[in-house]
C-alpha cells in the first residue's frame, strides 16, 4: 500500500508540473497571438500608406511629363505649336 501512495504522489507532482508548464506555454501562445494581430494591423496601415504614396508619385510624375500632344481646341481641331 505504501508503494501505491508514493506512486500516486509522484503522479500528482508530475501532473501539477505539467499543468504549470501548460499554463506557461498557453501564456506564450497568447503573447504570440497578440503580436501577430499587432503585426497584421501594422502591415495593413503600412500598405495603405504605400498605396497613397504610389498614387501621389504617379500623379506628380504625370504632371512633370511634357505633353506629347497639344490639347484639342473646343472645336475638335488640334493647336499647332510654334514649330509648325
C-alpha atoms as a PDB file:
ATOM      1  CA  UNK A   1       0.000   0.000   0.000  1.00  0.00           C
ATOM      2  CA  UNK A   2       2.885   2.368   0.781  1.00  0.00           C
ATOM      3  CA  UNK A   3       4.253   1.871  -2.726  1.00  0.00           C
ATOM      4  CA  UNK A   4       0.966   2.942  -4.272  1.00  0.00           C
ATOM      5  CA  UNK A   5       0.812   6.102  -2.146  1.00  0.00           C
ATOM      6  CA  UNK A   6       4.310   7.070  -3.219  1.00  0.00           C
ATOM      7  CA  UNK A   7       3.479   6.348  -6.842  1.00  0.00           C
ATOM      8  CA  UNK A   8       0.249   8.375  -6.571  1.00  0.00           C
ATOM      9  CA  UNK A   9       2.130  11.297  -5.007  1.00  0.00           C
ATOM     10  CA  UNK A  10       4.676  11.129  -7.813  1.00  0.00           C
ATOM     11  CA  UNK A  11       1.937  11.191 -10.446  1.00  0.00           C
ATOM     12  CA  UNK A  12       0.288  14.160  -8.732  1.00  0.00           C
ATOM     13  CA  UNK A  13       3.588  16.095  -8.724  1.00  0.00           C
ATOM     14  CA  UNK A  14       4.069  15.307 -12.393  1.00  0.00           C
ATOM     15  CA  UNK A  15       0.522  16.395 -13.186  1.00  0.00           C
ATOM     16  CA  UNK A  16       0.997  19.687 -11.315  1.00  0.00           C
ATOM     17  CA  UNK A  17       4.294  20.286 -13.093  1.00  0.00           C
ATOM     18  CA  UNK A  18       2.638  19.528 -16.445  1.00  0.00           C
ATOM     19  CA  UNK A  19      -0.214  21.892 -15.557  1.00  0.00           C
ATOM     20  CA  UNK A  20       2.238  24.696 -14.786  1.00  0.00           C
ATOM     21  CA  UNK A  21       4.131  24.009 -17.996  1.00  0.00           C
ATOM     22  CA  UNK A  22       0.878  24.038 -19.968  1.00  0.00           C
ATOM     23  CA  UNK A  23      -0.149  27.349 -18.368  1.00  0.00           C
ATOM     24  CA  UNK A  24       3.263  28.812 -19.224  1.00  0.00           C
ATOM     25  CA  UNK A  25       3.012  27.651 -22.844  1.00  0.00           C
ATOM     26  CA  UNK A  26      -0.550  28.968 -23.066  1.00  0.00           C
ATOM     27  CA  UNK A  27       0.633  32.400 -21.881  1.00  0.00           C
ATOM     28  CA  UNK A  28       3.393  32.340 -24.502  1.00  0.00           C
ATOM     29  CA  UNK A  29       0.859  31.436 -27.167  1.00  0.00           C
ATOM     30  CA  UNK A  30      -1.348  34.372 -26.154  1.00  0.00           C
ATOM     31  CA  UNK A  31       1.627  36.752 -26.434  1.00  0.00           C
ATOM     32  CA  UNK A  32       2.439  35.365 -29.873  1.00  0.00           C
ATOM     33  CA  UNK A  33      -1.203  35.726 -30.946  1.00  0.00           C
ATOM     34  CA  UNK A  34      -1.350  39.355 -29.784  1.00  0.00           C
ATOM     35  CA  UNK A  35       1.931  40.084 -31.544  1.00  0.00           C
ATOM     36  CA  UNK A  36       0.605  38.520 -34.735  1.00  0.00           C
ATOM     37  CA  UNK A  37      -2.531  40.685 -34.608  1.00  0.00           C
ATOM     38  CA  UNK A  38      -0.450  43.805 -33.987  1.00  0.00           C
ATOM     39  CA  UNK A  39       1.851  42.891 -36.887  1.00  0.00           C
ATOM     40  CA  UNK A  40      -1.105  42.344 -39.209  1.00  0.00           C
ATOM     41  CA  UNK A  41      -2.553  45.737 -38.244  1.00  0.00           C
ATOM     42  CA  UNK A  42       0.819  47.420 -38.825  1.00  0.00           C
ATOM     43  CA  UNK A  43       1.149  45.774 -42.242  1.00  0.00           C
ATOM     44  CA  UNK A  44      -2.354  46.914 -43.220  1.00  0.00           C
ATOM     45  CA  UNK A  45      -1.540  50.508 -42.220  1.00  0.00           C
ATOM     46  CA  UNK A  46       1.819  50.417 -43.991  1.00  0.00           C
ATOM     47  CA  UNK A  47       0.172  49.044 -47.135  1.00  0.00           C
ATOM     48  CA  UNK A  48      -2.351  51.900 -47.077  1.00  0.00           C
ATOM     49  CA  UNK A  49       0.436  54.477 -46.723  1.00  0.00           C
ATOM     50  CA  UNK A  50       2.406  52.865 -49.553  1.00  0.00           C
ATOM     51  CA  UNK A  51      -0.628  52.825 -51.842  1.00  0.00           C
ATOM     52  CA  UNK A  52      -1.257  56.522 -51.173  1.00  0.00           C
ATOM     53  CA  UNK A  53       2.416  57.283 -51.770  1.00  0.00           C
ATOM     54  CA  UNK A  54       2.406  55.356 -55.040  1.00  0.00           C
ATOM     55  CA  UNK A  55      -0.700  57.205 -56.218  1.00  0.00           C
ATOM     56  CA  UNK A  56       0.865  60.554 -55.292  1.00  0.00           C
ATOM     57  CA  UNK A  57       4.084  59.608 -57.098  1.00  0.00           C
ATOM     58  CA  UNK A  58       2.166  58.667 -60.220  1.00  0.00           C
ATOM     59  CA  UNK A  59       0.234  61.949 -60.170  1.00  0.00           C
ATOM     60  CA  UNK A  60       3.417  64.001 -59.706  1.00  0.00           C
ATOM     61  CA  UNK A  61       5.162  62.067 -62.477  1.00  0.00           C
ATOM     62  CA  UNK A  62       2.269  62.693 -64.845  1.00  0.00           C
ATOM     63  CA  UNK A  63       2.289  66.403 -64.009  1.00  0.00           C
ATOM     64  CA  UNK A  64       6.026  66.687 -64.683  1.00  0.00           C
ATOM     65  CA  UNK A  65       5.947  64.948 -68.068  1.00  0.00           C
ATOM     66  CA  UNK A  66       5.684  67.326 -71.027  1.00  0.00           C
ATOM     67  CA  UNK A  67       2.506  66.875 -73.018  1.00  0.00           C
ATOM     68  CA  UNK A  68       3.256  64.807 -76.106  1.00  0.00           C
ATOM     69  CA  UNK A  69       0.185  66.089 -77.910  1.00  0.00           C
ATOM     70  CA  UNK A  70      -1.193  69.571 -77.584  1.00  0.00           C
ATOM     71  CA  UNK A  71      -4.688  69.589 -76.118  1.00  0.00           C
ATOM     72  CA  UNK A  72      -7.554  69.857 -78.566  1.00  0.00           C
ATOM     73  CA  UNK A  73      -9.367  73.143 -79.015  1.00  0.00           C
ATOM     74  CA  UNK A  74     -13.069  73.305 -78.285  1.00  0.00           C
ATOM     75  CA  UNK A  75     -13.966  72.779 -81.972  1.00  0.00           C
ATOM     76  CA  UNK A  76     -12.044  69.486 -82.083  1.00  0.00           C
ATOM     77  CA  UNK A  77      -9.057  70.792 -84.011  1.00  0.00           C
ATOM     78  CA  UNK A  78      -5.525  70.498 -82.653  1.00  0.00           C
ATOM     79  CA  UNK A  79      -3.482  73.587 -81.887  1.00  0.00           C
ATOM     80  CA  UNK A  80      -0.308  73.881 -83.878  1.00  0.00           C
ATOM     81  CA  UNK A  81       2.827  74.589 -81.889  1.00  0.00           C
ATOM     82  CA  UNK A  82       5.452  77.240 -82.623  1.00  0.00           C
ATOM     83  CA  UNK A  83       7.453  74.795 -84.750  1.00  0.00           C
ATOM     84  CA  UNK A  84       4.599  74.211 -87.236  1.00  0.00           C
END
